[in-house]
Amino acid sequence: MSRDSQVPGFAVVGRPNKGKSSVVATLARDDSVHIAAAAGSTRDVRRFPMRVDGETLYELVDTPGMQRARQVLAWLREHCQDAAARPAAVRQFLLEHRDDAQFADEVHALEPVVAGAGIIYVVDGSVPFGADYEAEMEVLRWTGRPSLALVNPIENSDYVEQWVTGLGQYFQTVRVFDAHRAEHHKQLELLSLFGHLDPEWQQPLQRAVSVLRADRERQHLEAAEAIALMVEEGITYSVSQALPEGAPEAPVKKLLYNRYCRHLIRRERQCREQVEALFYYRELKTAEAGMDFDEEELFDQENWYLWGLSQRQLLVAAGAAGGIAGGSAGMVVDGMAGGLLHGLGTLAGGIGGAIASSRQVLRRSEDIARWTVSGIPTGGRRLVYGPSRNLNFPFVLLGRALQHHRQVSQRTHAVRGALKLDEPVLDWLDDSQRRKLALIFEDLRRGRRVDQRRSELVGLLRAWCLAADHAESSSSSR
């Protein structure tokens, strides 16, 4: 990383186990950054470029924790008496100790700084400020490089004020930055701050902020499009099977229903993977089994109140949809109270467990979609299952997808735990929005004004996704 490089670079430095790698993961939007609870887990320098559409906007350098700063500072003071020569003294220290195992961590941490990187110094705001930290701060000051300090409250914020006061005597800028909870706008604020610390970086970092804001809007738009297409398919999907003359219907109905469930479960999973990829997540698949809204619950109507609408809300939505109110609204509300479909494991055989009896499957399937039977000119008949006629089913698909999107889009790449369900996601919809959605869903189901309704659904979803960002920004500023 050269001094005249057009791509700004930041070396993230500090003591072991103070959250340096978490800061790197968040600012680089990279969940491949290794984060471990054990102190000193970062032993080598690793570079993480922040790229959008193949363009590198800036680079983060994850460094080992400095542990012998007092000895380094003593050497520097012994070999330099002139403040103007301090950066040269640091370079000389690196030359003389590059192969010295005793100072391996310090050399690794300082090399990218001397090569032209800015300094992001990270401390833990949940532990007391101590004078023993001042040696490493002073060593970093000797480099002469632009710097800022981040107080990362790993467990609590008990000592944040101490750190802000102490760090302010050594660094040009000090900010509290929780790498596990930092909203997107806070990440952009840090880039803007660094642009003011080094004139050479102002223009490239202004561009980086502009590109990242546009990329955020693109992420929300493409996520809205993916969710809208998934919900539309959930509304319109059907399966069919030809039966020879005299063949029993019940086993075939059971087969078709299980096929229907499997397909929509796979489609929901595919949509989740699309959204995760849009927000640059590659490791969330391992956590999916622990999700509170896992795929086995998609057809468990006992839990639909978490994702769809309540009985009252369904009646409001059904009334708006006109023709659907009389024939199916009552069935849907009754189904909500009846406790149907006890998990996918009893429905879809090879995915989750034992197959339910044909009688159970037929009874339950009738609450999701409609069965039709038609004759075949060459003999026999054709069984068709679908599309869905359940008023709440598209709201369930939508609620689950919006909850997943919110969790993914508001999550930082430093978080390694499973996604968690916080609250029923559609509670905030007002009656007019529910009516609007019910009309969109019914027209899509019937194949009426499909392009218009699809566009309207994407527009609503995009607006809600962007609103979630604004809500996070407003709550954090209060």
Protein backbone atom coordinates (compact mmCIF):
# COMPACT_ATOMS: atom_id res chain seq x y z
CA MET A 1 0.00 0.00 0.00
CA SER A 2 1.85 3.07 -1.23
CA ARG A 3 1.49 6.62 0.04
CA ASP A 4 0.26 7.83 -3.36
CA SER A 5 -2.21 4.99 -3.85
CA GLN A 6 -5.60 6.06 -5.14
CA VAL A 7 -7.28 3.50 -2.89
CA PRO A 8 -7.32 4.56 0.79
CA GLY A 9 -6.25 1.89 3.24
CA PHE A 10 -6.80 1.60 6.98
CA ALA A 11 -4.77 -0.51 9.38
CA VAL A 12 -6.92 -1.64 12.31
CA VAL A 13 -4.61 -1.85 15.32
CA GLY A 14 -4.78 -2.23 19.09
CA ARG A 15 -4.45 -4.75 21.89
CA PRO A 16 -5.44 -8.40 21.37
CA ASN A 17 -9.10 -9.27 21.78
CA LYS A 18 -10.42 -5.71 21.66
CA GLY A 19 -12.68 -6.22 18.65
CA LYS A 20 -10.30 -5.30 15.81
CA SER A 21 -11.45 -8.14 13.57
CA SER A 22 -15.08 -7.27 14.26
CA VAL A 23 -14.44 -3.72 13.09
CA VAL A 24 -12.75 -5.04 9.95
CA ALA A 25 -15.63 -7.42 9.20
CA THR A 26 -18.19 -4.64 9.58
CA LEU A 27 -16.38 -1.99 7.54
CA ALA A 28 -15.33 -4.45 4.83
CA ARG A 29 -18.79 -6.11 4.73
CA ASP A 30 -17.02 -9.47 4.84
CA ASP A 31 -18.25 -12.32 7.02
CA SER A 32 -15.19 -14.40 6.15
CA VAL A 33 -13.10 -12.33 8.59
CA HIS A 34 -12.06 -14.68 11.38
CA ILE A 35 -13.47 -13.64 14.74
CA ALA A 36 -12.68 -15.68 17.84
CA ALA A 37 -13.15 -15.19 21.57
CA ALA A 38 -9.56 -16.15 22.38
CA ALA A 39 -7.10 -13.28 22.72
CA GLY A 40 -4.51 -13.03 19.98
CA SER A 41 -6.51 -15.04 17.44
CA THR A 42 -5.23 -12.76 14.64
CA ARG A 43 -1.59 -13.72 14.12
CA ASP A 44 -1.00 -12.53 10.56
CA VAL A 45 -1.79 -9.44 8.55
CA ARG A 46 -4.84 -9.92 6.33
CA ARG A 47 -6.16 -7.45 3.80
CA PHE A 48 -9.86 -7.06 3.07
CA PRO A 49 -10.73 -4.80 0.12
CA MET A 50 -14.15 -3.17 0.09
CA ARG A 51 -15.40 -3.77 -3.45
CA VAL A 52 -18.60 -2.82 -5.26
CA ASP A 53 -19.10 -4.04 -8.83
CA GLY A 54 -15.43 -4.97 -9.04
CA GLU A 55 -14.19 -1.53 -7.98
CA THR A 56 -12.10 -1.38 -4.80
CA LEU A 57 -13.23 1.63 -2.78
CA TYR A 58 -10.91 1.17 0.19
CA GLU A 59 -9.02 -1.54 2.03
CA LEU A 60 -9.02 -2.71 5.64
CA VAL A 61 -5.95 -4.37 7.13
CA ASP A 62 -6.49 -6.69 10.09
CA THR A 63 -3.37 -6.75 12.26
CA PRO A 64 -2.16 -8.75 15.29
CA GLY A 65 -2.52 -7.14 18.69
CA MET A 66 0.37 -5.04 19.94
CA GLN A 67 1.79 -6.47 23.17
CA ARG A 68 5.26 -4.95 23.62
CA ALA A 69 4.61 -1.29 22.93
CA ARG A 70 6.64 -0.11 25.94
CA GLN A 71 9.78 -1.81 24.64
CA VAL A 72 9.15 -0.41 21.17
CA LEU A 73 8.70 3.12 22.53
CA ALA A 74 11.84 2.82 24.64
CA TRP A 75 13.84 1.82 21.55
CA LEU A 76 12.39 4.70 19.54
CA ARG A 77 13.23 7.28 22.22
CA GLU A 78 16.73 5.91 22.49
CA HIS A 79 17.31 6.21 18.75
CA CYS A 80 15.57 9.53 18.04
CA GLN A 81 15.77 12.89 19.74
CA ASP A 82 14.12 15.00 17.02
CA ALA A 83 10.31 15.05 16.67
CA ALA A 84 10.64 15.62 12.92
CA ALA A 85 12.58 12.37 12.60
CA ARG A 86 10.09 10.20 14.46
CA PRO A 87 8.46 8.60 11.37
CA ALA A 88 11.94 7.72 10.10
CA ALA A 89 12.76 6.16 13.49
CA VAL A 90 9.70 3.93 13.24
CA ARG A 91 10.81 2.78 9.79
CA GLN A 92 14.28 2.07 11.15
CA PHE A 93 12.79 0.00 13.96
CA LEU A 94 10.95 -2.12 11.41
CA LEU A 95 14.10 -2.63 9.35
CA GLU A 96 16.11 -3.79 12.34
CA HIS A 97 13.42 -6.00 13.90
CA ARG A 98 11.65 -7.46 10.86
CA ASP A 99 13.01 -10.93 11.68
CA ASP A 100 12.89 -10.55 15.46
CA ALA A 101 10.27 -12.97 16.83
CA GLN A 102 9.99 -10.91 20.03
CA PHE A 103 8.48 -7.98 18.11
CA ALA A 104 6.69 -9.92 15.37
CA ASP A 105 3.22 -8.59 16.28
CA GLU A 106 4.40 -5.00 16.51
CA VAL A 107 6.19 -5.24 13.16
CA HIS A 108 3.10 -6.72 11.49
CA ALA A 109 0.90 -3.97 12.97
CA LEU A 110 3.20 -1.08 12.01
CA GLU A 111 4.25 -2.16 8.52
CA PRO A 112 0.99 -1.24 6.74
CA VAL A 113 0.93 2.09 8.61
CA VAL A 114 4.46 2.99 7.52
CA ALA A 115 3.50 1.92 3.98
CA GLY A 116 0.77 4.57 3.89
CA ALA A 117 -2.31 3.25 5.67
CA GLY A 118 -4.34 5.36 8.02
CA ILE A 119 -4.75 4.19 11.61
CA ILE A 120 -7.94 2.91 13.20
CA TYR A 121 -7.08 2.26 16.82
CA VAL A 122 -9.60 0.02 18.60
CA VAL A 123 -10.16 -0.29 22.35
CA ASP A 124 -12.77 -2.03 24.48
CA GLY A 125 -15.07 0.40 26.27
CA SER A 126 -16.15 -2.22 28.80
CA VAL A 127 -12.73 -2.27 30.52
CA PRO A 128 -11.06 0.64 32.38
CA PHE A 129 -8.68 3.03 30.67
CA GLY A 130 -5.11 2.39 31.78
CA ALA A 131 -1.84 4.25 31.45
CA ASP A 132 -0.22 1.13 30.03
CA TYR A 133 -2.17 1.76 26.80
CA GLU A 134 -0.45 5.10 26.36
CA ALA A 135 2.78 3.53 25.10
CA GLU A 136 1.12 2.00 22.02
CA MET A 137 -0.81 5.21 21.40
CA GLU A 138 2.46 7.13 21.48
CA VAL A 139 4.13 4.65 19.13
CA LEU A 140 1.27 5.11 16.67
CA ARG A 141 1.55 8.89 17.01
CA TRP A 142 5.25 8.65 16.07
CA THR A 143 4.29 7.28 12.65
CA GLY A 144 2.75 10.63 11.69
CA ARG A 145 -0.13 8.96 9.88
CA PRO A 146 -3.77 10.15 9.95
CA SER A 147 -5.59 8.38 12.75
CA LEU A 148 -8.85 7.92 14.56
CA ALA A 149 -9.77 5.86 17.59
CA LEU A 150 -12.85 3.68 18.02
CA VAL A 151 -14.25 2.72 21.41
CA ASN A 152 -15.89 -0.66 20.86
CA PRO A 153 -18.10 -1.52 23.88
CA ILE A 154 -17.78 -5.30 23.68
CA GLU A 155 -19.71 -6.23 26.83
CA ASN A 156 -20.96 -2.90 28.20
CA SER A 157 -20.35 0.85 28.06
CA ASP A 158 -19.14 1.31 31.65
CA TYR A 159 -15.83 2.96 30.77
CA VAL A 160 -16.59 4.62 27.46
CA GLU A 161 -16.31 8.17 28.85
CA GLN A 162 -12.88 7.41 30.33
CA TRP A 163 -11.68 6.15 26.99
CA VAL A 164 -13.05 9.08 25.02
CA THR A 165 -11.21 11.49 27.31
CA GLY A 166 -7.95 9.56 27.27
CA LEU A 167 -7.92 8.82 23.56
CA GLY A 168 -8.65 12.43 22.71
CA GLN A 169 -5.15 13.37 23.86
CA TYR A 170 -3.55 11.12 21.24
CA PHE A 171 -5.95 10.90 18.27
CA GLN A 172 -7.47 13.50 15.98
CA THR A 173 -10.90 11.86 16.09
CA VAL A 174 -12.53 9.56 18.66
CA ARG A 175 -15.83 7.77 18.10
CA VAL A 176 -17.89 5.14 19.93
CA PHE A 177 -18.45 2.34 17.41
CA ASP A 178 -20.14 -0.93 18.35
CA ALA A 179 -19.02 -3.24 15.55
CA HIS A 180 -21.91 -5.63 16.24
CA ARG A 181 -24.63 -2.98 16.09
CA ALA A 182 -23.29 -0.16 13.90
CA GLU A 183 -25.98 0.98 11.48
CA HIS A 184 -25.09 1.51 7.86
CA HIS A 185 -25.06 5.30 8.18
CA LYS A 186 -22.54 5.10 11.03
CA GLN A 187 -20.19 3.12 8.84
CA LEU A 188 -20.41 5.82 6.18
CA GLU A 189 -19.77 8.51 8.80
CA LEU A 190 -16.39 6.93 9.58
CA LEU A 191 -15.38 7.07 5.93
CA SER A 192 -16.36 10.72 5.74
CA LEU A 193 -14.33 11.46 8.87
CA PHE A 194 -11.21 9.91 7.39
CA GLY A 195 -11.69 11.98 4.27
CA HIS A 196 -11.29 15.10 6.43
CA LEU A 197 -8.14 13.74 8.11
CA ASP A 198 -6.12 13.35 4.92
CA PRO A 199 -6.73 15.69 1.94
CA GLU A 200 -5.49 12.99 -0.46
CA TRP A 201 -8.33 10.74 0.62
CA GLN A 202 -11.15 13.25 0.59
CA GLN A 203 -12.18 12.74 -3.02
CA PRO A 204 -11.89 8.90 -3.14
CA LEU A 205 -13.72 8.55 0.17
CA GLN A 206 -16.47 10.93 -0.93
CA ARG A 207 -16.86 8.69 -3.96
CA ALA A 208 -16.84 5.60 -1.73
CA VAL A 209 -19.67 7.02 0.38
CA SER A 210 -21.67 7.89 -2.74
CA VAL A 211 -21.16 4.42 -4.24
CA LEU A 212 -22.09 2.68 -1.00
CA ARG A 213 -25.28 4.72 -0.64
CA ALA A 214 -26.30 3.87 -4.19
CA ASP A 215 -25.40 0.24 -3.58
CA ARG A 216 -27.60 0.21 -0.49
CA GLU A 217 -30.57 1.42 -2.53
CA ARG A 218 -29.82 -1.22 -5.17
CA GLN A 219 -29.75 -3.91 -2.49
CA HIS A 220 -33.16 -2.91 -1.19
CA LEU A 221 -34.67 -2.69 -4.69
CA GLU A 222 -33.37 -6.08 -5.80
CA ALA A 223 -34.42 -7.63 -2.49
CA ALA A 224 -37.92 -6.20 -3.01
CA GLU A 225 -38.02 -7.69 -6.50
CA ALA A 226 -36.87 -11.11 -5.24
CA ILE A 227 -39.45 -11.11 -2.43
CA ALA A 228 -42.26 -9.98 -4.73
CA LEU A 229 -41.54 -12.76 -7.22
CA MET A 230 -41.39 -15.36 -4.44
CA VAL A 231 -44.74 -14.22 -2.99
CA GLU A 232 -46.30 -14.15 -6.46
CA GLU A 233 -45.15 -17.71 -7.09
CA GLY A 234 -46.55 -18.76 -3.72
CA ILE A 235 -49.92 -17.35 -4.78
CA THR A 236 -50.01 -18.81 -8.29
CA TYR A 237 -48.13 -22.11 -8.07
CA SER A 238 -49.95 -25.37 -8.75
CA VAL A 239 -49.06 -29.02 -9.38
CA SER A 240 -50.89 -31.65 -11.38
CA GLN A 241 -50.84 -35.36 -12.14
CA ALA A 242 -52.68 -37.55 -14.67
CA LEU A 243 -54.56 -40.58 -13.24
CA PRO A 244 -55.54 -43.67 -15.22
CA GLU A 245 -59.20 -44.59 -15.25
CA GLY A 246 -60.22 -46.22 -11.98
CA ALA A 247 -57.05 -45.24 -10.04
CA PRO A 248 -57.65 -44.01 -6.46
CA GLU A 249 -57.25 -40.25 -5.88
CA ALA A 250 -56.18 -40.15 -2.22
CA PRO A 251 -52.55 -41.38 -2.61
CA VAL A 252 -52.02 -39.07 -5.58
CA LYS A 253 -53.44 -36.10 -3.69
CA LYS A 254 -51.06 -36.81 -0.85
CA LEU A 255 -48.15 -36.96 -3.32
CA LEU A 256 -49.17 -33.69 -4.99
CA TYR A 257 -49.61 -31.88 -1.69
CA ASN A 258 -46.16 -32.94 -0.49
CA ARG A 259 -44.71 -31.89 -3.86
CA TYR A 260 -46.45 -28.51 -3.53
CA CYS A 261 -45.02 -27.95 -0.03
CA ARG A 262 -41.51 -28.96 -1.03
CA HIS A 263 -41.49 -26.63 -4.02
CA LEU A 264 -42.58 -23.56 -2.08
CA ILE A 265 -40.17 -24.33 0.75
CA ARG A 266 -37.34 -24.51 -1.78
CA ARG A 267 -38.56 -21.28 -3.36
CA GLU A 268 -38.57 -19.47 -0.02
CA ARG A 269 -35.08 -20.79 0.72
CA GLN A 270 -33.89 -19.59 -2.68
CA CYS A 271 -35.29 -16.12 -2.00
CA ARG A 272 -33.49 -15.98 1.34
CA GLU A 273 -30.22 -16.94 -0.31
CA GLN A 274 -30.73 -14.20 -2.92
CA VAL A 275 -31.28 -11.58 -0.23
CA GLU A 276 -28.27 -12.76 1.78
CA ALA A 277 -26.06 -12.59 -1.32
CA LEU A 278 -27.31 -9.07 -2.07
CA PHE A 279 -26.07 -7.95 1.35
CA TYR A 280 -22.75 -9.79 0.91
CA TYR A 281 -23.35 -12.68 3.27
CA ARG A 282 -21.79 -16.02 2.45
CA GLU A 283 -21.82 -17.78 5.81
CA LEU A 284 -25.43 -17.44 6.98
CA LYS A 285 -26.47 -20.84 5.61
CA THR A 286 -24.86 -22.60 8.56
CA ALA A 287 -27.07 -20.62 10.93
CA GLU A 288 -30.33 -21.32 9.08
CA ALA A 289 -31.13 -24.44 11.08
CA GLY A 290 -31.23 -22.27 14.19
CA MET A 291 -33.56 -19.65 12.80
CA ASP A 292 -36.73 -19.14 14.81
CA PHE A 293 -38.64 -18.79 11.55
CA ASP A 294 -37.15 -21.90 9.95
CA GLU A 295 -38.54 -23.39 6.78
CA GLU A 296 -40.26 -26.27 8.57
CA GLU A 297 -42.77 -23.77 9.95
CA LEU A 298 -43.89 -22.40 6.59
CA PHE A 299 -46.97 -24.65 6.54
CA ASP A 300 -47.58 -24.69 10.29
CA GLN A 301 -50.71 -22.58 10.62
CA GLU A 302 -50.57 -22.69 14.42
CA ASN A 303 -47.69 -20.22 14.13
CA TRP A 304 -49.05 -18.15 11.27
CA TYR A 305 -50.13 -15.42 13.68
CA LEU A 306 -46.40 -14.62 13.98
CA TRP A 307 -46.07 -13.87 10.28
CA GLY A 308 -49.41 -13.10 8.71
CA LEU A 309 -52.52 -11.28 9.89
CA SER A 310 -54.80 -11.69 12.87
CA GLN A 311 -58.44 -12.69 12.45
CA ARG A 312 -59.59 -9.06 12.58
CA GLN A 313 -56.93 -7.95 10.11
CA LEU A 314 -57.89 -10.75 7.73
CA LEU A 315 -61.51 -9.67 7.76
CA VAL A 316 -60.47 -6.10 6.92
CA ALA A 317 -58.27 -7.31 4.07
CA ALA A 318 -60.91 -9.70 2.81
CA GLY A 319 -63.54 -6.98 2.72
CA ALA A 320 -61.29 -4.89 0.46
CA ALA A 321 -60.78 -7.73 -2.00
CA GLY A 322 -64.47 -7.87 -2.85
CA GLY A 323 -65.17 -11.22 -4.42
CA ILE A 324 -62.80 -13.13 -2.16
CA ALA A 325 -64.57 -12.04 1.00
CA GLY A 326 -67.64 -14.20 0.67
CA GLY A 327 -66.16 -17.49 -0.46
CA SER A 328 -62.89 -17.83 1.41
CA ALA A 329 -62.47 -15.25 4.17
CA GLY A 330 -64.47 -17.28 6.66
CA MET A 331 -62.51 -20.39 5.83
CA VAL A 332 -59.24 -18.61 6.40
CA VAL A 333 -60.27 -17.14 9.74
CA ASP A 334 -61.59 -20.49 10.88
CA GLY A 335 -58.32 -22.07 9.85
CA MET A 336 -56.40 -19.53 11.88
CA ALA A 337 -58.26 -20.61 15.00
CA GLY A 338 -58.23 -24.31 14.21
CA GLY A 339 -54.54 -25.10 14.63
CA LEU A 340 -53.82 -26.83 11.31
CA LEU A 341 -50.70 -28.44 9.84
CA HIS A 342 -48.37 -29.27 12.71
CA GLY A 343 -45.05 -28.63 11.01
CA LEU A 344 -43.52 -29.72 7.77
CA GLY A 345 -42.08 -32.88 9.31
CA THR A 346 -45.56 -34.40 9.32
CA LEU A 347 -46.34 -33.13 5.84
CA ALA A 348 -43.48 -33.47 3.42
CA GLY A 349 -41.94 -36.82 4.23
CA GLY A 350 -38.29 -36.79 3.19
CA ILE A 351 -37.68 -33.25 4.41
CA GLY A 352 -38.68 -33.52 8.02
CA GLY A 353 -39.93 -36.90 9.24
CA ALA A 354 -42.85 -39.31 9.03
CA ILE A 355 -45.51 -38.74 6.37
CA ALA A 356 -48.94 -37.90 7.64
CA SER A 357 -51.84 -40.16 6.78
CA SER A 358 -53.65 -39.50 3.52
CA ARG A 359 -56.77 -38.43 5.40
CA GLN A 360 -54.82 -35.85 7.43
CA VAL A 361 -53.07 -34.52 4.36
CA LEU A 362 -56.31 -34.12 2.43
CA ARG A 363 -58.02 -32.33 5.32
CA ARG A 364 -55.12 -29.95 5.80
CA SER A 365 -54.43 -29.36 2.12
CA GLU A 366 -57.94 -28.02 1.60
CA ASP A 367 -57.14 -25.08 3.88
CA ILE A 368 -54.22 -23.98 1.67
CA ALA A 369 -55.36 -24.42 -1.93
CA ARG A 370 -58.12 -25.86 -4.11
CA TRP A 371 -58.34 -29.32 -5.67
CA THR A 372 -59.73 -29.61 -9.20
CA VAL A 373 -60.34 -32.69 -11.32
CA SER A 374 -60.77 -32.64 -15.09
CA GLY A 375 -61.24 -35.32 -17.69
CA ILE A 376 -58.57 -36.26 -20.23
CA PRO A 377 -59.72 -36.86 -23.84
CA THR A 378 -57.64 -40.03 -24.10
CA GLY A 379 -59.12 -41.41 -20.89
CA GLY A 380 -58.60 -40.99 -17.18
CA ARG A 381 -58.50 -37.65 -15.38
CA ARG A 382 -56.09 -34.99 -14.19
CA LEU A 383 -55.75 -33.86 -10.58
CA VAL A 384 -54.61 -30.28 -9.97
CA TYR A 385 -53.63 -28.79 -6.61
CA GLY A 386 -53.35 -25.03 -6.43
CA PRO A 387 -53.04 -22.19 -6.70
CA SER A 388 -53.40 -21.14 -3.06
CA ARG A 389 -56.81 -19.84 -2.06
CA ASN A 390 -55.89 -19.06 1.55
CA LEU A 391 -56.07 -15.32 2.19
CA ASN A 392 -53.40 -15.40 4.86
CA PHE A 393 -50.83 -17.48 2.98
CA PRO A 394 -49.34 -14.59 0.92
CA PHE A 395 -49.20 -12.47 4.07
CA VAL A 396 -47.33 -15.30 5.80
CA LEU A 397 -44.84 -15.51 2.92
CA LEU A 398 -44.48 -11.74 2.93
CA GLY A 399 -44.08 -11.47 6.70
CA ARG A 400 -41.40 -14.14 6.84
CA ALA A 401 -39.53 -12.58 3.91
CA LEU A 402 -39.65 -9.06 5.35
CA GLN A 403 -38.46 -10.28 8.74
CA HIS A 404 -35.58 -12.12 7.10
CA HIS A 405 -34.71 -9.06 4.99
CA ARG A 406 -34.77 -6.76 8.01
CA GLN A 407 -32.55 -9.07 10.04
CA VAL A 408 -30.05 -9.47 7.21
CA SER A 409 -29.95 -5.82 6.11
CA GLN A 410 -29.60 -4.44 9.66
CA ARG A 411 -27.02 -7.04 10.70
CA THR A 412 -23.30 -6.23 10.63
CA HIS A 413 -20.80 -8.70 9.22
CA ALA A 414 -19.16 -8.99 12.63
CA VAL A 415 -22.17 -10.89 14.03
CA ARG A 416 -21.77 -14.64 13.93
CA GLY A 417 -24.92 -15.87 15.71
CA ALA A 418 -28.10 -17.20 14.13
CA LEU A 419 -30.82 -14.87 12.92
CA LYS A 420 -33.49 -14.41 15.57
CA LEU A 421 -37.18 -13.61 15.42
CA ASP A 422 -37.91 -10.40 17.33
CA GLU A 423 -41.60 -9.69 16.84
CA PRO A 424 -44.46 -10.22 14.40
CA VAL A 425 -43.28 -8.21 11.42
CA LEU A 426 -46.65 -7.20 9.89
CA ASP A 427 -48.14 -5.63 13.02
CA TRP A 428 -47.20 -2.19 11.73
CA LEU A 429 -49.35 -2.46 8.59
CA ASP A 430 -52.41 -0.22 8.78
CA ASP A 431 -55.80 -1.22 7.42
CA SER A 432 -55.33 0.64 4.13
CA GLN A 433 -52.03 -1.14 3.49
CA ARG A 434 -53.59 -4.52 4.27
CA ARG A 435 -56.44 -3.79 1.88
CA LYS A 436 -53.98 -2.72 -0.81
CA LEU A 437 -51.98 -5.90 -0.41
CA ALA A 438 -55.10 -8.07 -0.44
CA LEU A 439 -56.15 -6.53 -3.76
CA ILE A 440 -52.67 -7.04 -5.22
CA PHE A 441 -52.58 -10.66 -4.06
CA GLU A 442 -56.03 -11.43 -5.43
CA ASP A 443 -55.28 -9.92 -8.83
CA LEU A 444 -52.01 -11.85 -9.03
CA ARG A 445 -53.84 -15.03 -8.05
CA ARG A 446 -56.39 -14.52 -10.81
CA GLY A 447 -53.86 -13.33 -13.42
CA ARG A 448 -55.35 -9.85 -13.68
CA ARG A 449 -53.17 -6.75 -14.33
CA VAL A 450 -50.13 -8.86 -13.40
CA ASP A 451 -47.40 -6.43 -14.52
CA GLN A 452 -49.10 -3.50 -12.80
CA ARG A 453 -49.73 -5.41 -9.58
CA ARG A 454 -46.21 -6.83 -9.52
CA SER A 455 -44.78 -3.34 -9.97
CA GLU A 456 -46.99 -2.01 -7.17
CA LEU A 457 -45.86 -4.80 -4.85
CA VAL A 458 -42.18 -4.13 -5.59
CA GLY A 459 -42.73 -0.42 -4.96
CA LEU A 460 -44.35 -1.06 -1.59
CA LEU A 461 -41.62 -3.48 -0.53
CA ARG A 462 -38.83 -1.15 -1.61
CA ALA A 463 -40.36 1.74 0.33
CA TRP A 464 -40.70 -0.41 3.45
CA CYS A 465 -37.12 -1.67 3.14
CA LEU A 466 -35.77 1.88 2.85
CA ALA A 467 -37.98 2.98 5.73
CA ALA A 468 -36.36 0.34 7.94
CA ASP A 469 -32.98 1.99 7.30
CA HIS A 470 -34.36 5.42 8.15
CA ALA A 471 -35.95 4.08 11.32
CA GLU A 472 -32.64 2.58 12.44
CA SER A 473 -30.86 5.85 11.70
CA SER A 474 -33.41 7.93 13.61
CA SER A 475 -33.45 5.65 16.66
CA SER A 476 -29.67 5.62 16.92
CA SER A 477 -29.45 9.41 16.77
CA ARG A 478 -31.79 9.91 19.70
